[in-house]
Every structure is written in C-alpha cells, then in structure tokens.
C-alpha cells in the first residue's frame, strides 16, 4: 500500500481531518519509529508486531560466490520485524 492510498483510507475513516494533516501524522509516526530504532530501542504496536535491531557480527571469512574471493564484512545493524500472534492468525484465516 502506498502512502497516498493510506491517506485516502484514513480520510474515509476521518472526514474531519485534512489530507495534509493525515500526511503529517504518517510522517511523525515514521520519523519517531526511525529515531527509536536508531537509538537501539524496540518499537511495539500491540496486535500488529514489533520492530527491533539486531547486531550482525563482523565476518572475516566471507566469500564472494562469483569470484571465490575472500571479503571482509564489517559489523552492521539489521532491522527485524516480528509479527504478533493475532495478526498471524488473521492473515492465515
């Protein structure tokens, strides 16, 4: 679902709010999610899921499969999303 489609759905549910206000709400939500993940915190929305950061260790013995050359992969952070049990049940029905 695109940002514009989400704004249209929110506009149908809340006709009193302007589209610019709804866009601002989406921006504030995404920026606050981003800043929390940048700080290393996890973000949970009940009955939806949880975002958290996982630190991947550096790897000295990684190989490029095309050239079989040894490469170095530095330590990095990966964002993970875990779906809640309720959402999983709704999707699989």
Protein backbone atom coordinates (compact mmCIF):
# COMPACT_ATOMS: atom_id res chain seq x y z
CA UNK A 1 0.00 0.00 0.00
CA UNK A 2 1.39 3.37 -0.96
CA UNK A 3 1.43 6.49 1.21
CA UNK A 4 -1.29 8.15 -0.88
CA UNK A 5 -3.56 5.10 -0.66
CA UNK A 6 -3.11 5.05 3.11
CA UNK A 7 -4.01 8.75 3.31
CA UNK A 8 -7.17 8.11 1.24
CA UNK A 9 -8.27 5.29 3.57
CA UNK A 10 -7.63 7.43 6.64
CA UNK A 11 -9.58 10.29 5.02
CA UNK A 12 -12.61 8.00 4.56
CA UNK A 13 -12.45 6.97 8.23
CA UNK A 14 -11.84 10.54 9.50
CA UNK A 15 -13.51 13.04 7.14
CA UNK A 16 -12.87 15.97 9.52
CA UNK A 17 -9.08 15.78 9.06
CA UNK A 18 -7.33 17.31 6.04
CA UNK A 19 -5.14 15.22 3.77
CA UNK A 20 -2.16 17.38 4.76
CA UNK A 21 -2.84 16.65 8.44
CA UNK A 22 -3.04 12.92 7.73
CA UNK A 23 0.23 13.09 5.80
CA UNK A 24 1.82 14.87 8.75
CA UNK A 25 0.60 12.14 11.12
CA UNK A 26 2.16 9.46 8.92
CA UNK A 27 5.43 11.42 8.75
CA UNK A 28 5.57 11.88 12.53
CA UNK A 29 4.92 8.16 13.05
CA UNK A 30 7.62 7.07 10.61
CA UNK A 31 10.19 9.57 11.94
CA UNK A 32 9.56 8.55 15.55
CA UNK A 33 9.90 4.87 14.57
CA UNK A 34 13.16 5.65 12.79
CA UNK A 35 14.61 7.64 15.68
CA UNK A 36 13.73 4.91 18.21
CA UNK A 37 15.40 2.25 16.06
CA UNK A 38 18.45 4.47 15.59
CA UNK A 39 18.79 4.66 19.39
CA UNK A 40 18.65 0.87 19.61
CA UNK A 41 15.20 0.70 21.18
CA UNK A 42 12.46 -1.65 20.08
CA UNK A 43 9.04 -0.43 18.95
CA UNK A 44 5.93 -2.48 19.62
CA UNK A 45 2.38 -1.93 18.39
CA UNK A 46 0.02 -4.29 20.17
CA UNK A 47 -1.80 -6.79 17.94
CA UNK A 48 0.40 -5.76 14.99
CA UNK A 49 4.05 -6.51 15.64
CA UNK A 50 7.43 -5.43 16.93
CA UNK A 51 10.45 -3.82 15.25
CA UNK A 52 13.86 -4.37 16.80
CA UNK A 53 17.51 -4.03 15.83
CA UNK A 54 19.86 -6.98 15.63
CA UNK A 55 23.62 -6.52 15.53
CA UNK A 56 25.30 -8.79 12.99
CA UNK A 57 28.90 -9.65 13.84
CA UNK A 58 31.78 -8.85 11.55
CA UNK A 59 32.87 -11.68 9.30
CA UNK A 60 36.45 -12.13 8.11
CA UNK A 61 35.85 -15.38 6.21
CA UNK A 62 33.03 -14.39 3.86
CA UNK A 63 33.45 -15.32 0.21
CA UNK A 64 32.23 -13.73 -2.98
CA UNK A 65 30.42 -16.63 -4.70
CA UNK A 66 31.15 -15.33 -8.20
CA UNK A 67 34.94 -14.99 -7.82
CA UNK A 68 35.53 -17.15 -4.72
CA UNK A 69 37.49 -14.23 -3.27
CA UNK A 70 37.67 -13.64 0.49
CA UNK A 71 35.91 -10.45 1.56
CA UNK A 72 35.51 -8.65 4.87
CA UNK A 73 32.01 -7.84 6.14
CA UNK A 74 32.04 -5.26 8.97
CA UNK A 75 29.70 -5.28 11.96
CA UNK A 76 26.28 -3.96 10.97
CA UNK A 77 22.78 -3.47 12.33
CA UNK A 78 19.74 -5.08 10.76
CA UNK A 79 16.13 -4.13 11.47
CA UNK A 80 13.84 -7.07 12.14
CA UNK A 81 10.04 -7.20 12.34
CA UNK A 82 8.22 -9.86 14.31
CA UNK A 83 4.51 -10.30 13.60
CA UNK A 84 2.13 -10.60 16.57
CA UNK A 85 0.18 -13.79 17.15
CA UNK A 86 -3.15 -12.05 16.49
CA UNK A 87 -2.03 -10.64 13.14
CA UNK A 88 -0.59 -14.00 12.15
CA UNK A 89 -3.92 -15.65 12.97
CA UNK A 90 -5.88 -13.03 10.98
CA UNK A 91 -3.65 -13.41 7.91
CA UNK A 92 -3.77 -17.22 7.94
CA UNK A 93 -7.57 -17.50 8.22
